[in-house]
C-alpha atoms as a PDB file:
ATOM      1  CA  MET A   1     114.344 125.385  93.591  1.00  0.00           C
ATOM      2  CA  LYS A   2     111.808 124.845  96.407  1.00  0.00           C
ATOM      3  CA  SER A   3     109.155 123.955  93.283  1.00  0.00           C
ATOM      4  CA  LEU A   4     111.785 121.416  91.798  1.00  0.00           C
ATOM      5  CA  PHE A   5     112.012 119.954  95.201  1.00  0.00           C
ATOM      6  CA  GLY A   6     108.678 119.536  95.823  1.00  0.00           C
ATOM      7  CA  ARG A   7     107.959 118.335  91.955  1.00  0.00           C
ATOM      8  CA  ARG A   8     110.845 115.723  92.639  1.00  0.00           C
ATOM      9  CA  SER A   9     109.767 114.583  96.052  1.00  0.00           C
ATOM     10  CA  ALA A  10     105.894 114.347  94.427  1.00  0.00           C
ATOM     11  CA  ILE A  11     107.067 112.328  91.564  1.00  0.00           C
ATOM     12  CA  VAL A  12     108.990 109.811  94.227  1.00  0.00           C
ATOM     13  CA  SER A  13     106.076 109.652  96.402  1.00  0.00           C
ATOM     14  CA  VAL A  14     103.818 108.815  93.379  1.00  0.00           C
ATOM     15  CA  VAL A  15     106.263 106.001  92.415  1.00  0.00           C
ATOM     16  CA  ILE A  16     106.912 104.441  95.870  1.00  0.00           C
ATOM     17  CA  ALA A  17     103.091 104.277  96.317  1.00  0.00           C
ATOM     18  CA  ALA A  18     102.509 102.226  92.904  1.00  0.00           C
ATOM     19  CA  ALA A  19     105.650 100.030  93.827  1.00  0.00           C
ATOM     20  CA  LEU A  20     103.534  99.463  97.328  1.00  0.00           C
ATOM     21  CA  ILE A  21     100.330  98.819  95.619  1.00  0.00           C
ATOM     22  CA  LEU A  22     101.666  96.771  92.941  1.00  0.00           C
ATOM     23  CA  SER A  23     103.507  94.622  95.204  1.00  0.00           C
ATOM     24  CA  GLY A  24     100.285  94.124  97.427  1.00  0.00           C
ATOM     25  CA  CYS A  25      98.648  92.889  94.180  1.00  0.00           C
ATOM     26  CA  SER A  26     101.274  90.163  93.468  1.00  0.00           C
ATOM     27  CA  LYS A  27      99.915  86.277  93.675  1.00  0.00           C
ATOM     28  CA  SER A  28     102.845  84.686  95.343  1.00  0.00           C
ATOM     29  CA  VAL A  29     103.110  83.729  98.743  1.00  0.00           C
ATOM     30  CA  ASN A  30     105.978  83.215 100.726  1.00  0.00           C
ATOM     31  CA  ASP A  31     105.273  79.852 102.386  1.00  0.00           C
ATOM     32  CA  SER A  32     108.675  79.570 103.653  1.00  0.00           C
ATOM     33  CA  ALA A  33     108.101  81.194 106.906  1.00  0.00           C
ATOM     34  CA  GLY A  34     105.304  78.834 108.336  1.00  0.00           C
ATOM     35  CA  GLY A  35     104.832  79.150 111.971  1.00  0.00           C
ATOM     36  CA  ALA A  36     104.950  75.991 114.256  1.00  0.00           C
ATOM     37  CA  SER A  37     106.860  74.101 111.911  1.00  0.00           C
ATOM     38  CA  GLY A  38     108.546  72.120 114.588  1.00  0.00           C
ATOM     39  CA  ASP A  39     110.062  71.792 117.882  1.00  0.00           C
ATOM     40  CA  CYS A  40     112.171  74.571 118.600  1.00  0.00           C
ATOM     41  CA  GLY A  41     113.907  73.131 121.661  1.00  0.00           C
ATOM     42  CA  SER A  42     114.104  73.690 125.322  1.00  0.00           C
ATOM     43  CA  TYR A  43     115.107  76.884 126.942  1.00  0.00           C
ATOM     44  CA  ALA A  44     115.111  78.484 130.190  1.00  0.00           C
ATOM     45  CA  ILE A  45     113.803  82.202 131.024  1.00  0.00           C
ATOM     46  CA  ALA A  46     114.782  83.616 134.377  1.00  0.00           C
ATOM     47  CA  MET A  47     111.878  85.341 135.762  1.00  0.00           C
ATOM     48  CA  HIS A  48     113.411  88.519 137.582  1.00  0.00           C
ATOM     49  CA  ALA A  49     111.024  90.490 140.018  1.00  0.00           C
ATOM     50  CA  TRP A  50     111.661  93.913 137.826  1.00  0.00           C
ATOM     51  CA  GLY A  51     108.793  96.015 136.871  1.00  0.00           C
ATOM     52  CA  GLY A  52     107.369  94.957 133.881  1.00  0.00           C
ATOM     53  CA  TYR A  53     110.109  92.530 133.185  1.00  0.00           C
ATOM     54  CA  THR A  54     107.682  89.505 134.337  1.00  0.00           C
ATOM     55  CA  ALA A  55     105.056  90.231 132.073  1.00  0.00           C
ATOM     56  CA  SER A  56     107.609  90.629 129.094  1.00  0.00           C
ATOM     57  CA  ALA A  57     108.820  87.433 130.133  1.00  0.00           C
ATOM     58  CA  GLN A  58     105.483  85.690 130.402  1.00  0.00           C
ATOM     59  CA  VAL A  59     104.531  86.913 126.917  1.00  0.00           C
ATOM     60  CA  VAL A  60     107.676  85.708 125.160  1.00  0.00           C
ATOM     61  CA  ALA A  61     107.213  82.297 127.033  1.00  0.00           C
ATOM     62  CA  GLU A  62     103.639  82.215 125.708  1.00  0.00           C
ATOM     63  CA  VAL A  63     104.411  82.627 122.284  1.00  0.00           C
ATOM     64  CA  ALA A  64     107.459  80.417 122.249  1.00  0.00           C
ATOM     65  CA  LYS A  65     105.157  77.736 123.906  1.00  0.00           C
ATOM     66  CA  LYS A  66     102.208  78.070 121.514  1.00  0.00           C
ATOM     67  CA  GLU A  67     103.433  79.555 117.924  1.00  0.00           C
ATOM     68  CA  LEU A  68     107.057  77.919 118.111  1.00  0.00           C
ATOM     69  CA  GLY A  69     106.522  74.722 119.787  1.00  0.00           C
ATOM     70  CA  CYS A  70     109.133  75.273 122.554  1.00  0.00           C
ATOM     71  CA  THR A  71     109.655  73.635 125.722  1.00  0.00           C
ATOM     72  CA  ILE A  72     109.807  76.881 127.967  1.00  0.00           C
ATOM     73  CA  THR A  73     111.338  76.366 132.109  1.00  0.00           C
ATOM     74  CA  GLN A  74     110.597  79.458 133.562  1.00  0.00           C
ATOM     75  CA  THR A  75     112.710  79.889 136.962  1.00  0.00           C
ATOM     76  CA  THR A  76     111.792  82.654 139.802  1.00  0.00           C
ATOM     77  CA  LEU A  77     114.928  84.679 140.904  1.00  0.00           C
ATOM     78  CA  ASP A  78     114.876  86.325 144.304  1.00  0.00           C
END
């Protein structure tokens, strides 16, 4: 039983690896998810003084501005 399970998992692993290799060799390119394709709108982000939150909110704001073309308003909360 253990030998059969080991052989079966080895075969499945080889098949999955082959599928990943073949999919990596594909010539098709998905251009539908292009970056900064237009204005994504205007959003407000509340900046809390919680530990670690401010840095995370700043990263989200910068990515939204530069990569997505959004207009971001940051409001500092007390």
